[in-house]
C-alpha atoms as a PDB file:
ATOM      1  CA  MET A   1       0.000   0.000   0.000  1.00  0.00           C
ATOM      2  CA  SER A   2       2.807   2.437   0.881  1.00  0.00           C
ATOM      3  CA  VAL A   3       4.542   1.760  -2.426  1.00  0.00           C
ATOM      4  CA  GLN A   4       1.370   2.550  -4.358  1.00  0.00           C
ATOM      5  CA  VAL A   5       0.823   5.761  -2.398  1.00  0.00           C
ATOM      6  CA  THR A   6       4.441   6.815  -3.015  1.00  0.00           C
ATOM      7  CA  ARG A   7       4.169   6.181  -6.730  1.00  0.00           C
ATOM      8  CA  ARG A   8       0.867   8.027  -6.867  1.00  0.00           C
ATOM      9  CA  ASN A   9       2.356  11.022  -5.070  1.00  0.00           C
ATOM     10  CA  LYS A  10       5.307  11.037  -7.450  1.00  0.00           C
ATOM     11  CA  GLY A  11       2.930  10.951 -10.402  1.00  0.00           C
ATOM     12  CA  ILE A  12       0.930  13.882  -8.999  1.00  0.00           C
ATOM     13  CA  ASP A  13       4.105  15.880  -8.393  1.00  0.00           C
ATOM     14  CA  GLY A  14       5.302  15.247 -11.924  1.00  0.00           C
ATOM     15  CA  PHE A  15       1.955  16.296 -13.371  1.00  0.00           C
ATOM     16  CA  ASP A  16       1.956  19.447 -11.239  1.00  0.00           C
ATOM     17  CA  TRP A  17       5.444  20.336 -12.431  1.00  0.00           C
ATOM     18  CA  PHE A  18       4.292  19.857 -16.017  1.00  0.00           C
ATOM     19  CA  ASN A  19       1.339  22.189 -15.384  1.00  0.00           C
ATOM     20  CA  TYR A  20       3.545  24.803 -13.711  1.00  0.00           C
ATOM     21  CA  THR A  21       6.036  24.716 -16.577  1.00  0.00           C
ATOM     22  CA  LEU A  22       3.323  24.959 -19.207  1.00  0.00           C
ATOM     23  CA  LEU A  23       1.553  27.813 -17.418  1.00  0.00           C
ATOM     24  CA  PHE A  24       4.871  29.639 -16.944  1.00  0.00           C
ATOM     25  CA  LEU A  25       5.616  29.395 -20.666  1.00  0.00           C
ATOM     26  CA  ILE A  26       2.144  30.642 -21.561  1.00  0.00           C
ATOM     27  CA  ALA A  27       2.429  33.518 -19.073  1.00  0.00           C
ATOM     28  CA  PHE A  28       5.873  34.454 -20.398  1.00  0.00           C
ATOM     29  CA  ALA A  29       4.580  34.412 -23.976  1.00  0.00           C
ATOM     30  CA  MET A  30       1.813  36.805 -22.958  1.00  0.00           C
ATOM     31  CA  LEU A  31       4.088  39.080 -20.939  1.00  0.00           C
ATOM     32  CA  PHE A  32       6.918  39.169 -23.470  1.00  0.00           C
ATOM     33  CA  PRO A  33       5.295  41.878 -25.669  1.00  0.00           C
ATOM     34  CA  PHE A  34       5.033  44.127 -22.595  1.00  0.00           C
ATOM     35  CA  LEU A  35       8.639  43.401 -21.647  1.00  0.00           C
ATOM     36  CA  TYR A  36       9.728  44.098 -25.206  1.00  0.00           C
ATOM     37  CA  ALA A  37       7.854  47.405 -25.313  1.00  0.00           C
ATOM     38  CA  ALA A  38       9.172  48.455 -21.912  1.00  0.00           C
ATOM     39  CA  SER A  39      12.759  47.588 -22.822  1.00  0.00           C
ATOM     40  CA  ILE A  40      12.674  49.577 -26.066  1.00  0.00           C
ATOM     41  CA  SER A  41      10.898  52.548 -24.478  1.00  0.00           C
ATOM     42  CA  PHE A  42      13.468  52.872 -21.671  1.00  0.00           C
ATOM     43  CA  SER A  43      16.521  52.445 -23.925  1.00  0.00           C
ATOM     44  CA  SER A  44      18.697  55.427 -24.750  1.00  0.00           C
ATOM     45  CA  TYR A  45      19.236  56.517 -28.348  1.00  0.00           C
ATOM     46  CA  ARG A  46      22.853  55.343 -28.390  1.00  0.00           C
ATOM     47  CA  ASP A  47      22.119  51.958 -26.795  1.00  0.00           C
ATOM     48  CA  PHE A  48      19.223  51.364 -29.151  1.00  0.00           C
ATOM     49  CA  LEU A  49      21.342  52.041 -32.233  1.00  0.00           C
ATOM     50  CA  GLN A  50      24.311  50.067 -30.941  1.00  0.00           C
ATOM     51  CA  PHE A  51      22.699  47.039 -29.273  1.00  0.00           C
ATOM     52  CA  GLY A  52      19.114  46.967 -30.552  1.00  0.00           C
ATOM     53  CA  PHE A  53      16.665  45.046 -28.386  1.00  0.00           C
ATOM     54  CA  ARG A  54      17.808  43.900 -24.965  1.00  0.00           C
ATOM     55  CA  LEU A  55      15.440  42.397 -22.420  1.00  0.00           C
ATOM     56  CA  ILE A  56      17.111  44.544 -19.746  1.00  0.00           C
ATOM     57  CA  PRO A  57      18.309  47.897 -21.141  1.00  0.00           C
ATOM     58  CA  ARG A  58      21.905  48.903 -20.441  1.00  0.00           C
ATOM     59  CA  SER A  59      20.683  52.307 -19.263  1.00  0.00           C
ATOM     60  CA  PHE A  60      17.219  53.555 -18.319  1.00  0.00           C
ATOM     61  CA  VAL A  61      16.142  56.902 -19.753  1.00  0.00           C
ATOM     62  CA  LEU A  62      12.723  58.574 -19.868  1.00  0.00           C
ATOM     63  CA  ASP A  63      13.258  60.669 -23.008  1.00  0.00           C
ATOM     64  CA  ALA A  64      10.556  58.851 -24.987  1.00  0.00           C
ATOM     65  CA  TYR A  65       7.988  59.233 -22.186  1.00  0.00           C
ATOM     66  CA  HIS A  66       8.769  62.920 -21.744  1.00  0.00           C
ATOM     67  CA  PHE A  67       8.412  63.416 -25.487  1.00  0.00           C
ATOM     68  CA  VAL A  68       5.057  61.606 -25.688  1.00  0.00           C
ATOM     69  CA  LEU A  69       3.591  63.368 -22.644  1.00  0.00           C
ATOM     70  CA  GLU A  70       4.604  66.759 -24.044  1.00  0.00           C
ATOM     71  CA  SER A  71       2.230  66.191 -26.947  1.00  0.00           C
ATOM     72  CA  PRO A  72      -1.103  67.997 -26.361  1.00  0.00           C
ATOM     73  CA  ARG A  73      -2.708  65.700 -28.933  1.00  0.00           C
ATOM     74  CA  PHE A  74      -1.734  62.548 -27.027  1.00  0.00           C
ATOM     75  CA  VAL A  75      -2.724  63.892 -23.594  1.00  0.00           C
ATOM     76  CA  ARG A  76      -6.042  65.236 -24.918  1.00  0.00           C
ATOM     77  CA  SER A  77      -6.880  61.883 -26.537  1.00  0.00           C
ATOM     78  CA  LEU A  78      -6.054  60.141 -23.266  1.00  0.00           C
ATOM     79  CA  PHE A  79      -8.571  62.292 -21.380  1.00  0.00           C
ATOM     80  CA  VAL A  80     -11.152  61.737 -24.131  1.00  0.00           C
ATOM     81  CA  THR A  81     -10.727  57.986 -23.775  1.00  0.00           C
ATOM     82  CA  VAL A  82     -11.053  58.176 -19.988  1.00  0.00           C
ATOM     83  CA  GLU A  83     -14.293  60.136 -20.415  1.00  0.00           C
ATOM     84  CA  ILE A  84     -15.672  57.691 -22.977  1.00  0.00           C
ATOM     85  CA  THR A  85     -14.722  54.686 -20.848  1.00  0.00           C
ATOM     86  CA  ALA A  86     -16.143  56.072 -17.595  1.00  0.00           C
ATOM     87  CA  VAL A  87     -19.427  57.395 -19.038  1.00  0.00           C
ATOM     88  CA  GLY A  88     -19.858  54.451 -21.392  1.00  0.00           C
ATOM     89  CA  THR A  89     -19.302  51.844 -18.685  1.00  0.00           C
ATOM     90  CA  ILE A  90     -21.815  53.500 -16.346  1.00  0.00           C
ATOM     91  CA  ILE A  91     -24.414  53.611 -19.130  1.00  0.00           C
ATOM     92  CA  ASN A  92     -23.651  49.994 -20.079  1.00  0.00           C
ATOM     93  CA  LEU A  93     -24.096  48.723 -16.529  1.00  0.00           C
ATOM     94  CA  PHE A  94     -27.238  50.773 -15.921  1.00  0.00           C
ATOM     95  CA  PHE A  95     -29.100  49.597 -19.021  1.00  0.00           C
ATOM     96  CA  THR A  96     -27.800  46.020 -18.812  1.00  0.00           C
ATOM     97  CA  ALA A  97     -28.802  45.604 -15.166  1.00  0.00           C
ATOM     98  CA  THR A  98     -32.217  47.251 -15.477  1.00  0.00           C
ATOM     99  CA  PHE A  99     -33.150  45.471 -18.701  1.00  0.00           C
ATOM    100  CA  ALA A 100     -31.898  42.119 -17.387  1.00  0.00           C
ATOM    101  CA  TYR A 101     -33.918  42.530 -14.201  1.00  0.00           C
ATOM    102  CA  MET A 102     -37.030  43.342 -16.206  1.00  0.00           C
ATOM    103  CA  LEU A 103     -36.546  40.256 -18.387  1.00  0.00           C
ATOM    104  CA  SER A 104     -36.083  38.116 -15.276  1.00  0.00           C
ATOM    105  CA  ARG A 105     -39.534  39.084 -14.007  1.00  0.00           C
ATOM    106  CA  PRO A 106     -42.884  37.915 -15.445  1.00  0.00           C
ATOM    107  CA  VAL A 107     -43.696  40.900 -17.685  1.00  0.00           C
ATOM    108  CA  VAL A 108     -45.832  41.366 -20.784  1.00  0.00           C
ATOM    109  CA  ALA A 109     -44.176  40.283 -24.051  1.00  0.00           C
ATOM    110  CA  GLN A 110     -41.183  38.878 -22.211  1.00  0.00           C
ATOM    111  CA  ARG A 111     -40.544  36.161 -24.793  1.00  0.00           C
ATOM    112  CA  VAL A 112     -40.785  38.637 -27.662  1.00  0.00           C
ATOM    113  CA  MET A 113     -38.236  40.966 -26.090  1.00  0.00           C
ATOM    114  CA  LEU A 114     -35.929  38.068 -25.248  1.00  0.00           C
ATOM    115  CA  PHE A 115     -36.183  36.847 -28.849  1.00  0.00           C
ATOM    116  CA  LEU A 116     -35.223  40.300 -30.125  1.00  0.00           C
ATOM    117  CA  VAL A 117     -32.212  40.360 -27.795  1.00  0.00           C
ATOM    118  CA  VAL A 118     -31.004  36.962 -28.988  1.00  0.00           C
ATOM    119  CA  PHE A 119     -31.666  37.949 -32.600  1.00  0.00           C
ATOM    120  CA  THR A 120     -29.404  40.992 -32.329  1.00  0.00           C
ATOM    121  CA  MET A 121     -26.699  38.790 -30.826  1.00  0.00           C
ATOM    122  CA  LEU A 122     -26.785  36.483 -33.848  1.00  0.00           C
ATOM    123  CA  PHE A 123     -27.407  39.015 -36.618  1.00  0.00           C
ATOM    124  CA  SER A 124     -26.185  42.597 -36.993  1.00  0.00           C
ATOM    125  CA  ALA A 125     -27.247  45.291 -39.434  1.00  0.00           C
ATOM    126  CA  GLY A 126     -23.734  45.918 -40.711  1.00  0.00           C
ATOM    127  CA  MET A 127     -21.435  48.889 -40.860  1.00  0.00           C
ATOM    128  CA  ILE A 128     -23.241  51.051 -43.440  1.00  0.00           C
ATOM    129  CA  PRO A 129     -26.780  50.835 -41.916  1.00  0.00           C
ATOM    130  CA  THR A 130     -25.309  51.493 -38.473  1.00  0.00           C
ATOM    131  CA  TYR A 131     -23.437  54.525 -39.800  1.00  0.00           C
ATOM    132  CA  LEU A 132     -26.639  55.875 -41.377  1.00  0.00           C
ATOM    133  CA  VAL A 133     -28.521  55.430 -38.093  1.00  0.00           C
ATOM    134  CA  VAL A 134     -25.765  57.255 -36.188  1.00  0.00           C
ATOM    135  CA  LYS A 135     -25.791  60.039 -38.763  1.00  0.00           C
ATOM    136  CA  GLU A 136     -29.577  60.490 -38.837  1.00  0.00           C
ATOM    137  CA  THR A 137     -29.825  60.541 -35.048  1.00  0.00           C
ATOM    138  CA  GLY A 138     -27.331  63.406 -34.841  1.00  0.00           C
ATOM    139  CA  LEU A 139     -24.616  61.458 -33.049  1.00  0.00           C
ATOM    140  CA  LEU A 140     -21.998  61.916 -35.765  1.00  0.00           C
ATOM    141  CA  ASN A 141     -18.843  63.797 -34.698  1.00  0.00           C
ATOM    142  CA  SER A 142     -19.750  63.290 -31.049  1.00  0.00           C
ATOM    143  CA  ILE A 143     -18.367  60.947 -28.407  1.00  0.00           C
ATOM    144  CA  TRP A 144     -21.933  59.710 -27.913  1.00  0.00           C
ATOM    145  CA  ALA A 145     -21.542  57.895 -31.233  1.00  0.00           C
ATOM    146  CA  LEU A 146     -19.048  55.651 -29.456  1.00  0.00           C
ATOM    147  CA  ILE A 147     -21.323  55.072 -26.445  1.00  0.00           C
ATOM    148  CA  ILE A 148     -25.018  54.952 -27.380  1.00  0.00           C
ATOM    149  CA  PRO A 149     -24.862  52.333 -30.198  1.00  0.00           C
ATOM    150  CA  VAL A 150     -23.118  49.889 -27.848  1.00  0.00           C
ATOM    151  CA  ALA A 151     -25.100  50.696 -24.714  1.00  0.00           C
ATOM    152  CA  ILE A 152     -26.100  47.045 -24.187  1.00  0.00           C
ATOM    153  CA  SER A 153     -24.259  43.819 -24.944  1.00  0.00           C
ATOM    154  CA  SER A 154     -26.724  41.042 -25.707  1.00  0.00           C
ATOM    155  CA  PHE A 155     -24.453  38.371 -24.256  1.00  0.00           C
ATOM    156  CA  HIS A 156     -23.895  40.236 -20.982  1.00  0.00           C
ATOM    157  CA  LEU A 157     -27.615  40.964 -20.801  1.00  0.00           C
ATOM    158  CA  ILE A 158     -28.542  37.293 -21.058  1.00  0.00           C
ATOM    159  CA  VAL A 159     -25.965  36.246 -18.452  1.00  0.00           C
ATOM    160  CA  MET A 160     -27.156  39.011 -16.115  1.00  0.00           C
ATOM    161  CA  ARG A 161     -30.762  37.917 -16.568  1.00  0.00           C
ATOM    162  CA  GLN A 162     -29.798  34.344 -15.721  1.00  0.00           C
ATOM    163  CA  PHE A 163     -28.049  35.607 -12.587  1.00  0.00           C
ATOM    164  CA  PHE A 164     -31.132  37.505 -11.438  1.00  0.00           C
ATOM    165  CA  GLN A 165     -33.225  34.389 -11.995  1.00  0.00           C
ATOM    166  CA  SER A 166     -30.810  32.364  -9.844  1.00  0.00           C
ATOM    167  CA  ILE A 167     -31.504  34.574  -6.805  1.00  0.00           C
ATOM    168  CA  PRO A 168     -34.021  32.834  -4.509  1.00  0.00           C
ATOM    169  CA  GLU A 169     -37.576  34.009  -5.106  1.00  0.00           C
ATOM    170  CA  GLU A 170     -38.152  34.042  -1.365  1.00  0.00           C
ATOM    171  CA  LEU A 171     -36.160  37.286  -1.129  1.00  0.00           C
ATOM    172  CA  ASN A 172     -38.527  39.005  -3.542  1.00  0.00           C
ATOM    173  CA  GLU A 173     -41.573  37.624  -1.763  1.00  0.00           C
ATOM    174  CA  ALA A 174     -40.297  38.797   1.625  1.00  0.00           C
ATOM    175  CA  ALA A 175     -39.585  42.272   0.237  1.00  0.00           C
ATOM    176  CA  ILE A 176     -43.075  42.450  -1.299  1.00  0.00           C
ATOM    177  CA  VAL A 177     -44.634  41.459   2.010  1.00  0.00           C
ATOM    178  CA  ASP A 178     -42.704  44.310   3.651  1.00  0.00           C
ATOM    179  CA  GLY A 179     -44.222  46.715   1.124  1.00  0.00           C
ATOM    180  CA  ALA A 180     -41.298  47.139  -1.291  1.00  0.00           C
ATOM    181  CA  ASN A 181     -41.978  47.832  -4.961  1.00  0.00           C
ATOM    182  CA  ASP A 182     -39.935  46.637  -7.946  1.00  0.00           C
ATOM    183  CA  ILE A 183     -37.597  49.643  -7.921  1.00  0.00           C
ATOM    184  CA  GLN A 184     -36.841  49.178  -4.221  1.00  0.00           C
ATOM    185  CA  ILE A 185     -36.289  45.450  -4.685  1.00  0.00           C
ATOM    186  CA  PHE A 186     -33.922  46.116  -7.577  1.00  0.00           C
ATOM    187  CA  ALA A 187     -31.966  48.868  -5.811  1.00  0.00           C
ATOM    188  CA  LYS A 188     -31.776  47.406  -2.296  1.00  0.00           C
ATOM    189  CA  ILE A 189     -31.665  43.649  -2.935  1.00  0.00           C
ATOM    190  CA  MET A 190     -30.659  42.799  -6.495  1.00  0.00           C
ATOM    191  CA  LEU A 191     -27.875  45.329  -7.014  1.00  0.00           C
ATOM    192  CA  PRO A 192     -26.042  44.617  -3.720  1.00  0.00           C
ATOM    193  CA  LEU A 193     -26.178  40.889  -4.448  1.00  0.00           C
ATOM    194  CA  SER A 194     -24.895  41.405  -8.010  1.00  0.00           C
ATOM    195  CA  LYS A 195     -21.715  43.345  -7.158  1.00  0.00           C
ATOM    196  CA  PRO A 196     -19.397  40.560  -8.441  1.00  0.00           C
ATOM    197  CA  ALA A 197     -21.296  40.336 -11.722  1.00  0.00           C
ATOM    198  CA  LEU A 198     -21.345  44.114 -12.102  1.00  0.00           C
ATOM    199  CA  ALA A 199     -17.602  44.270 -11.434  1.00  0.00           C
ATOM    200  CA  ALA A 200     -16.859  41.601 -14.039  1.00  0.00           C
ATOM    201  CA  PHE A 201     -19.140  43.044 -16.711  1.00  0.00           C
ATOM    202  CA  GLY A 202     -17.973  46.556 -15.896  1.00  0.00           C
ATOM    203  CA  LEU A 203     -14.405  45.490 -16.598  1.00  0.00           C
ATOM    204  CA  PHE A 204     -15.468  43.871 -19.873  1.00  0.00           C
ATOM    205  CA  TYR A 205     -17.320  47.002 -20.948  1.00  0.00           C
ATOM    206  CA  ALA A 206     -14.464  49.294 -19.881  1.00  0.00           C
ATOM    207  CA  VAL A 207     -11.866  47.294 -21.811  1.00  0.00           C
ATOM    208  CA  GLY A 208     -14.117  47.337 -24.871  1.00  0.00           C
ATOM    209  CA  HIS A 209     -14.469  51.121 -24.747  1.00  0.00           C
ATOM    210  CA  TRP A 210     -10.785  51.664 -24.087  1.00  0.00           C
ATOM    211  CA  ASN A 211      -9.600  49.434 -26.945  1.00  0.00           C
ATOM    212  CA  SER A 212     -12.147  50.651 -29.490  1.00  0.00           C
ATOM    213  CA  TYR A 213     -10.562  52.558 -32.377  1.00  0.00           C
ATOM    214  CA  PHE A 214     -12.516  51.705 -35.544  1.00  0.00           C
ATOM    215  CA  THR A 215     -15.676  53.477 -34.374  1.00  0.00           C
ATOM    216  CA  GLY A 216     -13.569  56.557 -33.597  1.00  0.00           C
ATOM    217  CA  ILE A 217     -12.233  56.562 -37.148  1.00  0.00           C
ATOM    218  CA  LEU A 218     -15.706  55.942 -38.553  1.00  0.00           C
ATOM    219  CA  TYR A 219     -17.767  58.458 -36.593  1.00  0.00           C
ATOM    220  CA  LEU A 220     -15.332  61.210 -35.531  1.00  0.00           C
ATOM    221  CA  ASN A 221     -13.913  63.596 -38.121  1.00  0.00           C
ATOM    222  CA  ASP A 222     -12.383  66.057 -35.664  1.00  0.00           C
ATOM    223  CA  PRO A 223      -8.878  64.918 -34.542  1.00  0.00           C
ATOM    224  CA  ALA A 224      -9.417  66.754 -31.249  1.00  0.00           C
ATOM    225  CA  GLN A 225     -12.114  64.187 -30.356  1.00  0.00           C
ATOM    226  CA  TRP A 226     -10.126  61.092 -31.311  1.00  0.00           C
ATOM    227  CA  PRO A 227      -9.659  58.516 -28.522  1.00  0.00           C
ATOM    228  CA  ILE A 228      -6.232  57.269 -27.573  1.00  0.00           C
ATOM    229  CA  GLN A 229      -6.394  54.144 -29.732  1.00  0.00           C
ATOM    230  CA  VAL A 230      -6.850  56.215 -32.904  1.00  0.00           C
ATOM    231  CA  ILE A 231      -3.823  58.343 -31.976  1.00  0.00           C
ATOM    232  CA  LEU A 232      -1.879  55.177 -31.185  1.00  0.00           C
ATOM    233  CA  ARG A 233      -2.801  53.804 -34.595  1.00  0.00           C
ATOM    234  CA  GLN A 234      -1.444  56.989 -36.179  1.00  0.00           C
ATOM    235  CA  ILE A 235       1.793  56.622 -34.223  1.00  0.00           C
ATOM    236  CA  VAL A 236       2.391  52.918 -34.808  1.00  0.00           C
ATOM    237  CA  ILE A 237       0.961  52.234 -38.268  1.00  0.00           C
ATOM    238  CA  VAL A 238      -0.063  55.201 -40.362  1.00  0.00           C
ATOM    239  CA  SER A 239       2.683  57.813 -40.262  1.00  0.00           C
ATOM    240  CA  ASP A 240       5.985  58.793 -38.678  1.00  0.00           C
ATOM    241  CA  PRO A 241       5.706  58.372 -34.873  1.00  0.00           C
ATOM    242  CA  VAL A 242       7.374  61.692 -34.120  1.00  0.00           C
ATOM    243  CA  ALA A 243       5.375  63.651 -36.704  1.00  0.00           C
ATOM    244  CA  SER A 244       2.093  62.112 -35.483  1.00  0.00           C
ATOM    245  CA  LEU A 245       2.479  63.764 -32.076  1.00  0.00           C
ATOM    246  CA  ASN A 246       2.778  67.195 -33.722  1.00  0.00           C
ATOM    247  CA  ILE A 247       5.513  68.515 -31.419  1.00  0.00           C
ATOM    248  CA  PRO A 248       7.827  71.185 -32.892  1.00  0.00           C
ATOM    249  CA  THR A 249      11.265  70.157 -31.680  1.00  0.00           C
ATOM    250  CA  GLU A 250      14.783  69.899 -33.000  1.00  0.00           C
ATOM    251  CA  TYR A 251      15.598  66.739 -31.094  1.00  0.00           C
ATOM    252  CA  ALA A 252      13.340  63.735 -30.844  1.00  0.00           C
ATOM    253  CA  PRO A 253      13.938  60.211 -29.547  1.00  0.00           C
ATOM    254  CA  PRO A 254      14.038  57.342 -32.065  1.00  0.00           C
ATOM    255  CA  GLY A 255      10.672  56.508 -33.583  1.00  0.00           C
ATOM    256  CA  GLU A 256      10.740  52.970 -32.181  1.00  0.00           C
ATOM    257  CA  THR A 257      11.131  54.165 -28.585  1.00  0.00           C
ATOM    258  CA  VAL A 258       8.333  56.702 -29.088  1.00  0.00           C
ATOM    259  CA  GLN A 259       6.053  53.953 -30.406  1.00  0.00           C
ATOM    260  CA  MET A 260       6.709  51.683 -27.443  1.00  0.00           C
ATOM    261  CA  ALA A 261       6.363  54.479 -24.866  1.00  0.00           C
ATOM    262  CA  ALA A 262       3.044  55.546 -26.398  1.00  0.00           C
ATOM    263  CA  THR A 263       1.862  51.925 -26.430  1.00  0.00           C
ATOM    264  CA  LEU A 264       2.608  51.435 -22.731  1.00  0.00           C
ATOM    265  CA  LEU A 265       1.053  54.776 -21.761  1.00  0.00           C
ATOM    266  CA  ALA A 266      -2.094  53.819 -23.675  1.00  0.00           C
ATOM    267  CA  THR A 267      -2.239  50.339 -22.113  1.00  0.00           C
ATOM    268  CA  LEU A 268      -1.361  50.753 -18.450  1.00  0.00           C
ATOM    269  CA  PRO A 269      -4.401  52.859 -17.366  1.00  0.00           C
ATOM    270  CA  ILE A 270      -6.866  50.125 -18.292  1.00  0.00           C
ATOM    271  CA  LEU A 271      -4.732  47.518 -16.485  1.00  0.00           C
ATOM    272  CA  LEU A 272      -4.613  49.397 -13.182  1.00  0.00           C
ATOM    273  CA  PRO A 273      -8.232  48.686 -12.037  1.00  0.00           C
ATOM    274  CA  TYR A 274      -7.837  44.912 -12.487  1.00  0.00           C
ATOM    275  CA  PRO A 275      -6.053  44.186  -9.150  1.00  0.00           C
ATOM    276  CA  PHE A 276      -8.886  45.946  -7.306  1.00  0.00           C
ATOM    277  CA  LEU A 277     -11.554  43.964  -9.172  1.00  0.00           C
ATOM    278  CA  GLN A 278      -9.773  40.619  -9.174  1.00  0.00           C
ATOM    279  CA  LYS A 279     -11.510  39.350  -6.023  1.00  0.00           C
ATOM    280  CA  HIS A 280     -14.879  39.839  -7.761  1.00  0.00           C
ATOM    281  CA  PHE A 281     -13.764  38.894 -11.256  1.00  0.00           C
ATOM    282  CA  VAL A 282     -13.724  35.077 -11.173  1.00  0.00           C
ATOM    283  CA  LYS A 283     -16.880  34.892  -9.074  1.00  0.00           C
ATOM    284  CA  GLY A 284     -18.623  37.428 -11.307  1.00  0.00           C
ATOM    285  CA  VAL A 285     -17.829  35.520 -14.462  1.00  0.00           C
ATOM    286  CA  MET A 286     -19.308  32.311 -13.040  1.00  0.00           C
ATOM    287  CA  LEU A 287     -22.440  33.930 -11.563  1.00  0.00           C
ATOM    288  CA  GLY A 288     -25.476  33.261 -13.678  1.00  0.00           C
ATOM    289  CA  SER A 289     -23.744  30.600 -15.782  1.00  0.00           C
ATOM    290  CA  VAL A 290     -25.623  27.822 -13.988  1.00  0.00           C
ATOM    291  CA  LYS A 291     -29.083  28.281 -12.615  1.00  0.00           C
ATOM    292  CA  GLY A 292     -29.435  26.959  -9.094  1.00  0.00           C
END
């Protein structure tokens, strides 16, 4: 018996080591682009020309970051993106939670509304009809064009509805007996219980708003209203990185270091809230997936 237990423990240890090694390689593959960008952005002009990419730069300089942050265009687009992300996420959570709660209750035409929600998840109108709707509703050349058309995600709505249905009905019945109406039940019972789900979906919505660039190109003609991802696209893909920032200067860091510094500055703000939401994230993703 002891020999079998020893062999079994050795087998478990070996399998665990295999899992740890595999997960470490996957994590390193995901983190390597960030390490690459950070290394290039902190490299000096001379070290970059002489040694190229090094995982750990020979010397750390902040010339590229100073240059990027001196650009009014970049800083303005960063504030525009923060505004779009904050306002858009609040609107997303408000309409998703209220609509999901309504669909979780026995209301008139519930099946018809649920069918329409699922239909929009499977079929979309397309880019041109959506652009015409945005234009005719007066949202063109406004940040609301990046918020209102994506106010509700059908997938998140369905998961949220399933979560509300998984809450014991006895809570609603007890609240009704105490004289609470639907708004009071939603605000004082449902929302406090759905904090993990709201945190998870809020992060999903926020990342979607922050990373969105095609809608900014499509609906915004004024460069002063462009979000950070459109400016980052100009820096990395379209034109010369230094010229894209529109800074009159005689000396500028290498274009590659400017690209990497701009990429990190445009990425880090959306990563910062994750550690604070991590305790709710895993639980929020699983809530509503299985009805109790």
